Amino acid sequence: MQAIDLEELERRAYRSTWEDGLLDLMLGAWIVSMGLMHGTEVDFVPALFVAIGVPLWMAGKRWITIPRIGLVRFGAERQREIRRGYGLLLAVLLLTLFGGVLAYFTLAGDAPRFPVRLLFGTVVAGLIALVGFLFDIRRLNLYAGAVFLAYAAGEALRSSQDLIVVFAGVAVVLCGAVILGRFLRKYPRQEQAES
């Protein structure tokens, strides 16, 4: 008889909560909104998206993920890790916001000489990679790389940075749609699986 490794089982259950592609869809749409922000100079677009996108993501978890894999309750150690991850992420986001506002007012007059958008893209890519690291979602590193490359290409080409960022976001959305489709096939709704 084979022994059951509860830690491995819990790790797999934790990873399966991120297999639904909803985070990818939301992240991709947020990246698209950043590209639109650069193209339209309407700075509140990403913040507005977060205000709308996070509740939609939570609703998607409730209506798509939970009916298929159930509501997972993790052990005390995993819950501590999750809380630590959210706390660290919040601290980094607040520091980034503070640093971004400070950099904006400090570098605003030097914008033609200083690659402010590349700095912005580097910070966004770093945040995406941090989320991937904190929550053990390895594919986010690829998305972080795509975002950084989009901003770097836009800076190198000195034009169409907004379109390149939008294309990177669309690519992430398409990846999320593929992951969601795979999730829906792998985990049918509980009542569908029983019939």
C-alpha atoms as a PDB file:
ATOM      1  CA  MET A   1       0.000   0.000   0.000  1.00  0.00           C
ATOM      2  CA  GLN A   2       1.352   3.398  -1.022  1.00  0.00           C
ATOM      3  CA  ALA A   3       1.643   6.151   1.601  1.00  0.00           C
ATOM      4  CA  ILE A   4      -0.189   9.405   0.901  1.00  0.00           C
ATOM      5  CA  ASP A   5       1.975  12.534   1.040  1.00  0.00           C
ATOM      6  CA  LEU A   6      -0.414  15.123   2.473  1.00  0.00           C
ATOM      7  CA  GLU A   7       1.918  18.053   1.754  1.00  0.00           C
ATOM      8  CA  GLU A   8       2.156  17.067  -1.918  1.00  0.00           C
ATOM      9  CA  LEU A   9      -1.608  16.613  -2.074  1.00  0.00           C
ATOM     10  CA  GLU A  10      -2.153  20.063  -0.547  1.00  0.00           C
ATOM     11  CA  ARG A  11       0.377  21.612  -2.961  1.00  0.00           C
ATOM     12  CA  ARG A  12      -1.444  20.077  -5.923  1.00  0.00           C
ATOM     13  CA  ALA A  13      -4.789  21.279  -4.612  1.00  0.00           C
ATOM     14  CA  TYR A  14      -3.345  24.769  -4.172  1.00  0.00           C
ATOM     15  CA  ARG A  15      -1.957  24.812  -7.696  1.00  0.00           C
ATOM     16  CA  SER A  16      -5.263  23.592  -9.119  1.00  0.00           C
ATOM     17  CA  THR A  17      -6.954  26.728  -7.766  1.00  0.00           C
ATOM     18  CA  TRP A  18      -4.841  28.711 -10.289  1.00  0.00           C
ATOM     19  CA  GLU A  19      -5.476  26.343 -13.229  1.00  0.00           C
ATOM     20  CA  ASP A  20      -8.733  28.033 -14.187  1.00  0.00           C
ATOM     21  CA  GLY A  21      -7.161  30.765 -16.361  1.00  0.00           C
ATOM     22  CA  LEU A  22      -9.226  33.515 -14.723  1.00  0.00           C
ATOM     23  CA  LEU A  23      -6.165  35.287 -13.337  1.00  0.00           C
ATOM     24  CA  ASP A  24      -4.593  35.139 -16.796  1.00  0.00           C
ATOM     25  CA  LEU A  25      -7.706  36.648 -18.398  1.00  0.00           C
ATOM     26  CA  MET A  26      -7.821  39.436 -15.827  1.00  0.00           C
ATOM     27  CA  LEU A  27      -4.098  40.112 -16.018  1.00  0.00           C
ATOM     28  CA  GLY A  28      -4.184  40.201 -19.824  1.00  0.00           C
ATOM     29  CA  ALA A  29      -7.116  42.596 -19.846  1.00  0.00           C
ATOM     30  CA  TRP A  30      -5.274  44.787 -17.330  1.00  0.00           C
ATOM     31  CA  ILE A  31      -2.199  44.838 -19.591  1.00  0.00           C
ATOM     32  CA  VAL A  32      -4.460  45.819 -22.520  1.00  0.00           C
ATOM     33  CA  SER A  33      -5.862  48.633 -20.371  1.00  0.00           C
ATOM     34  CA  MET A  34      -2.309  49.858 -19.701  1.00  0.00           C
ATOM     35  CA  GLY A  35      -1.637  49.967 -23.435  1.00  0.00           C
ATOM     36  CA  LEU A  36      -4.856  51.905 -23.915  1.00  0.00           C
ATOM     37  CA  MET A  37      -3.774  54.250 -21.133  1.00  0.00           C
ATOM     38  CA  HIS A  38      -0.550  55.012 -23.006  1.00  0.00           C
ATOM     39  CA  GLY A  39      -2.423  55.481 -26.270  1.00  0.00           C
ATOM     40  CA  THR A  40      -5.148  57.720 -24.903  1.00  0.00           C
ATOM     41  CA  GLU A  41      -3.264  59.417 -22.043  1.00  0.00           C
ATOM     42  CA  VAL A  42      -6.236  58.621 -19.793  1.00  0.00           C
ATOM     43  CA  ASP A  43      -4.352  57.572 -16.670  1.00  0.00           C
ATOM     44  CA  PHE A  44      -7.239  56.099 -14.703  1.00  0.00           C
ATOM     45  CA  VAL A  45      -8.031  53.265 -17.165  1.00  0.00           C
ATOM     46  CA  PRO A  46      -5.973  50.547 -15.353  1.00  0.00           C
ATOM     47  CA  ALA A  47      -7.308  51.620 -11.945  1.00  0.00           C
ATOM     48  CA  LEU A  48     -10.859  51.552 -13.283  1.00  0.00           C
ATOM     49  CA  PHE A  49     -10.202  48.116 -14.722  1.00  0.00           C
ATOM     50  CA  VAL A  50      -8.951  46.836 -11.352  1.00  0.00           C
ATOM     51  CA  ALA A  51     -12.072  48.231  -9.664  1.00  0.00           C
ATOM     52  CA  ILE A  52     -14.232  46.299 -12.140  1.00  0.00           C
ATOM     53  CA  GLY A  53     -11.936  43.342 -12.848  1.00  0.00           C
ATOM     54  CA  VAL A  54     -11.265  42.125  -9.310  1.00  0.00           C
ATOM     55  CA  PRO A  55     -14.970  41.659  -8.456  1.00  0.00           C
ATOM     56  CA  LEU A  56     -15.458  39.918 -11.834  1.00  0.00           C
ATOM     57  CA  TRP A  57     -12.501  37.626 -11.089  1.00  0.00           C
ATOM     58  CA  MET A  58     -13.950  36.797  -7.668  1.00  0.00           C
ATOM     59  CA  ALA A  59     -17.345  36.086  -9.244  1.00  0.00           C
ATOM     60  CA  GLY A  60     -15.650  33.853 -11.815  1.00  0.00           C
ATOM     61  CA  LYS A  61     -13.990  31.918  -9.011  1.00  0.00           C
ATOM     62  CA  ARG A  62     -17.386  31.473  -7.380  1.00  0.00           C
ATOM     63  CA  TRP A  63     -19.298  30.470 -10.529  1.00  0.00           C
ATOM     64  CA  ILE A  64     -16.639  28.648 -12.553  1.00  0.00           C
ATOM     65  CA  THR A  65     -13.902  27.296 -10.285  1.00  0.00           C
ATOM     66  CA  ILE A  66     -15.669  26.336  -7.054  1.00  0.00           C
ATOM     67  CA  PRO A  67     -18.478  24.319  -8.731  1.00  0.00           C
ATOM     68  CA  ARG A  68     -15.791  22.261 -10.496  1.00  0.00           C
ATOM     69  CA  ILE A  69     -13.062  21.657  -7.905  1.00  0.00           C
ATOM     70  CA  GLY A  70     -14.871  22.673  -4.740  1.00  0.00           C
ATOM     71  CA  LEU A  71     -13.844  25.131  -2.084  1.00  0.00           C
ATOM     72  CA  VAL A  72     -10.409  24.167  -0.872  1.00  0.00           C
ATOM     73  CA  ARG A  73      -9.553  24.750   2.769  1.00  0.00           C
ATOM     74  CA  PHE A  74      -5.829  24.638   3.333  1.00  0.00           C
ATOM     75  CA  GLY A  75      -3.887  23.753   6.449  1.00  0.00           C
ATOM     76  CA  ALA A  76      -2.604  26.358   8.872  1.00  0.00           C
ATOM     77  CA  GLU A  77       0.894  26.534   7.339  1.00  0.00           C
ATOM     78  CA  ARG A  78      -0.415  27.080   3.776  1.00  0.00           C
ATOM     79  CA  GLN A  79      -2.857  29.712   5.038  1.00  0.00           C
ATOM     80  CA  ARG A  80       0.045  31.519   6.752  1.00  0.00           C
ATOM     81  CA  GLU A  81       2.028  31.396   3.507  1.00  0.00           C
ATOM     82  CA  ILE A  82      -0.931  32.807   1.574  1.00  0.00           C
ATOM     83  CA  ARG A  83      -1.473  35.606   4.108  1.00  0.00           C
ATOM     84  CA  ARG A  84       2.257  36.412   4.071  1.00  0.00           C
ATOM     85  CA  GLY A  85       2.165  36.501   0.290  1.00  0.00           C
ATOM     86  CA  TYR A  86      -0.787  38.886   0.218  1.00  0.00           C
ATOM     87  CA  GLY A  87       0.809  41.081   2.886  1.00  0.00           C
ATOM     88  CA  LEU A  88       4.123  41.265   1.049  1.00  0.00           C
ATOM     89  CA  LEU A  89       2.344  41.935  -2.229  1.00  0.00           C
ATOM     90  CA  LEU A  90       0.333  44.754  -0.653  1.00  0.00           C
ATOM     91  CA  ALA A  91       3.487  46.294   0.832  1.00  0.00           C
ATOM     92  CA  VAL A  92       5.294  46.115  -2.521  1.00  0.00           C
ATOM     93  CA  LEU A  93       2.283  47.584  -4.341  1.00  0.00           C
ATOM     94  CA  LEU A  94       2.096  50.498  -1.889  1.00  0.00           C
ATOM     95  CA  LEU A  95       5.842  51.130  -2.174  1.00  0.00           C
ATOM     96  CA  THR A  96       5.569  50.945  -5.953  1.00  0.00           C
ATOM     97  CA  LEU A  97       2.657  53.380  -5.948  1.00  0.00           C
ATOM     98  CA  PHE A  98       4.595  55.774  -3.727  1.00  0.00           C
ATOM     99  CA  GLY A  99       7.725  55.378  -5.867  1.00  0.00           C
ATOM    100  CA  GLY A 100       5.731  55.844  -9.057  1.00  0.00           C
ATOM    101  CA  VAL A 101       4.138  59.060  -7.856  1.00  0.00           C
ATOM    102  CA  LEU A 102       7.503  60.326  -6.661  1.00  0.00           C
ATOM    103  CA  ALA A 103       9.187  59.380  -9.952  1.00  0.00           C
ATOM    104  CA  TYR A 104       6.389  60.975 -11.962  1.00  0.00           C
ATOM    105  CA  PHE A 105       6.774  64.322 -10.240  1.00  0.00           C
ATOM    106  CA  THR A 106      10.574  64.106 -10.190  1.00  0.00           C
ATOM    107  CA  LEU A 107      11.060  63.012 -13.805  1.00  0.00           C
ATOM    108  CA  ALA A 108       8.079  64.725 -15.444  1.00  0.00           C
ATOM    109  CA  GLY A 109      10.207  67.552 -16.819  1.00  0.00           C
ATOM    110  CA  ASP A 110      12.858  65.100 -18.058  1.00  0.00           C
ATOM    111  CA  ALA A 111      10.407  62.800 -19.837  1.00  0.00           C
ATOM    112  CA  PRO A 112      11.929  63.266 -23.326  1.00  0.00           C
ATOM    113  CA  ARG A 113      15.395  62.240 -22.036  1.00  0.00           C
ATOM    114  CA  PHE A 114      14.386  59.603 -19.486  1.00  0.00           C
ATOM    115  CA  PRO A 115      12.554  56.389 -20.567  1.00  0.00           C
ATOM    116  CA  VAL A 116       9.706  56.746 -18.054  1.00  0.00           C
ATOM    117  CA  ARG A 117       7.499  54.212 -19.828  1.00  0.00           C
ATOM    118  CA  LEU A 118      10.288  51.630 -19.893  1.00  0.00           C
ATOM    119  CA  LEU A 119      10.754  52.163 -16.158  1.00  0.00           C
ATOM    120  CA  PHE A 120       6.985  51.777 -15.714  1.00  0.00           C
ATOM    121  CA  GLY A 121       6.988  48.579 -17.801  1.00  0.00           C
ATOM    122  CA  THR A 122       9.914  47.185 -15.822  1.00  0.00           C
ATOM    123  CA  VAL A 123       8.092  47.805 -12.549  1.00  0.00           C
ATOM    124  CA  VAL A 124       4.874  46.230 -13.875  1.00  0.00           C
ATOM    125  CA  ALA A 125       6.807  43.201 -15.168  1.00  0.00           C
ATOM    126  CA  GLY A 126       8.526  42.916 -11.788  1.00  0.00           C
ATOM    127  CA  LEU A 127       5.178  42.981  -9.989  1.00  0.00           C
ATOM    128  CA  ILE A 128       3.769  40.272 -12.248  1.00  0.00           C
ATOM    129  CA  ALA A 129       6.867  38.114 -11.644  1.00  0.00           C
ATOM    130  CA  LEU A 130       6.550  38.757  -7.892  1.00  0.00           C
ATOM    131  CA  VAL A 131       2.944  37.553  -7.904  1.00  0.00           C
ATOM    132  CA  GLY A 132       4.049  34.455  -9.809  1.00  0.00           C
ATOM    133  CA  PHE A 133       6.791  33.795  -7.259  1.00  0.00           C
ATOM    134  CA  LEU A 134       4.671  34.456  -4.156  1.00  0.00           C
ATOM    135  CA  PHE A 135       1.772  32.299  -5.292  1.00  0.00           C
ATOM    136  CA  ASP A 136       3.780  29.636  -7.162  1.00  0.00           C
ATOM    137  CA  ILE A 137       2.274  30.433 -10.590  1.00  0.00           C
ATOM    138  CA  ARG A 138       5.210  29.895 -12.909  1.00  0.00           C
ATOM    139  CA  ARG A 139       3.539  30.997 -16.141  1.00  0.00           C
ATOM    140  CA  LEU A 140       3.348  34.545 -14.797  1.00  0.00           C
ATOM    141  CA  ASN A 141       7.097  34.787 -15.350  1.00  0.00           C
ATOM    142  CA  LEU A 142       6.449  34.396 -19.088  1.00  0.00           C
ATOM    143  CA  TYR A 143       3.824  37.133 -18.944  1.00  0.00           C
ATOM    144  CA  ALA A 144       6.242  39.372 -17.040  1.00  0.00           C
ATOM    145  CA  GLY A 145       8.822  38.785 -19.747  1.00  0.00           C
ATOM    146  CA  ALA A 146       6.283  39.612 -22.463  1.00  0.00           C
ATOM    147  CA  VAL A 147       5.357  42.869 -20.726  1.00  0.00           C
ATOM    148  CA  PHE A 148       8.991  43.880 -20.297  1.00  0.00           C
ATOM    149  CA  LEU A 149       9.778  43.028 -23.934  1.00  0.00           C
ATOM    150  CA  ALA A 150       6.736  45.002 -25.108  1.00  0.00           C
ATOM    151  CA  TYR A 151       7.861  48.111 -23.240  1.00  0.00           C
ATOM    152  CA  ALA A 152      11.490  47.623 -24.316  1.00  0.00           C
ATOM    153  CA  ALA A 153      10.463  47.181 -27.968  1.00  0.00           C
ATOM    154  CA  GLY A 154       8.265  50.265 -27.744  1.00  0.00           C
ATOM    155  CA  GLU A 155      11.151  52.243 -26.320  1.00  0.00           C
ATOM    156  CA  ALA A 156      13.555  50.967 -28.982  1.00  0.00           C
ATOM    157  CA  LEU A 157      11.121  51.699 -31.810  1.00  0.00           C
ATOM    158  CA  ARG A 158      10.156  55.071 -30.281  1.00  0.00           C
ATOM    159  CA  SER A 159       6.629  54.608 -31.560  1.00  0.00           C
ATOM    160  CA  SER A 160       3.575  52.421 -31.181  1.00  0.00           C
ATOM    161  CA  GLN A 161       4.444  51.451 -27.631  1.00  0.00           C
ATOM    162  CA  ASP A 162       0.764  51.479 -26.790  1.00  0.00           C
ATOM    163  CA  LEU A 163      -0.042  48.980 -29.563  1.00  0.00           C
ATOM    164  CA  ILE A 164       2.823  46.675 -28.605  1.00  0.00           C
ATOM    165  CA  VAL A 165       1.619  46.614 -24.987  1.00  0.00           C
ATOM    166  CA  VAL A 166      -1.954  45.976 -26.162  1.00  0.00           C
ATOM    167  CA  PHE A 167      -0.712  43.045 -28.281  1.00  0.00           C
ATOM    168  CA  ALA A 168       1.162  41.625 -25.274  1.00  0.00           C
ATOM    169  CA  GLY A 169      -2.046  41.889 -23.232  1.00  0.00           C
ATOM    170  CA  VAL A 170      -4.079  40.217 -25.972  1.00  0.00           C
ATOM    171  CA  ALA A 171      -1.542  37.361 -26.033  1.00  0.00           C
ATOM    172  CA  VAL A 172      -1.975  36.898 -22.270  1.00  0.00           C
ATOM    173  CA  VAL A 173      -5.778  36.960 -22.668  1.00  0.00           C
ATOM    174  CA  LEU A 174      -5.545  34.275 -25.367  1.00  0.00           C
ATOM    175  CA  CYS A 175      -3.350  32.141 -23.097  1.00  0.00           C
ATOM    176  CA  GLY A 176      -5.930  32.595 -20.341  1.00  0.00           C
ATOM    177  CA  ALA A 177      -8.729  31.526 -22.679  1.00  0.00           C
ATOM    178  CA  VAL A 178      -6.815  28.354 -23.620  1.00  0.00           C
ATOM    179  CA  ILE A 179      -6.111  27.595 -19.946  1.00  0.00           C
ATOM    180  CA  LEU A 180      -9.774  28.206 -19.062  1.00  0.00           C
ATOM    181  CA  GLY A 181     -10.908  25.893 -21.882  1.00  0.00           C
ATOM    182  CA  ARG A 182      -8.545  23.176 -20.655  1.00  0.00           C
ATOM    183  CA  PHE A 183      -9.800  23.681 -17.086  1.00  0.00           C
ATOM    184  CA  LEU A 184     -13.448  23.383 -18.167  1.00  0.00           C
ATOM    185  CA  ARG A 185     -12.708  20.119 -20.007  1.00  0.00           C
ATOM    186  CA  LYS A 186     -10.602  18.684 -17.185  1.00  0.00           C
ATOM    187  CA  TYR A 187     -13.040  19.605 -14.406  1.00  0.00           C
ATOM    188  CA  PRO A 188     -16.697  19.398 -15.451  1.00  0.00           C
ATOM    189  CA  ARG A 189     -19.268  20.814 -13.053  1.00  0.00           C
ATOM    190  CA  GLN A 190     -19.897  18.454 -10.133  1.00  0.00           C
ATOM    191  CA  GLU A 191     -23.481  17.706 -11.185  1.00  0.00           C
ATOM    192  CA  GLN A 192     -22.361  17.054 -14.803  1.00  0.00           C
ATOM    193  CA  ALA A 193     -19.653  14.647 -13.670  1.00  0.00           C
ATOM    194  CA  GLU A 194     -22.124  12.616 -11.600  1.00  0.00           C
ATOM    195  CA  SER A 195     -24.647  12.133 -14.423  1.00  0.00           C
END
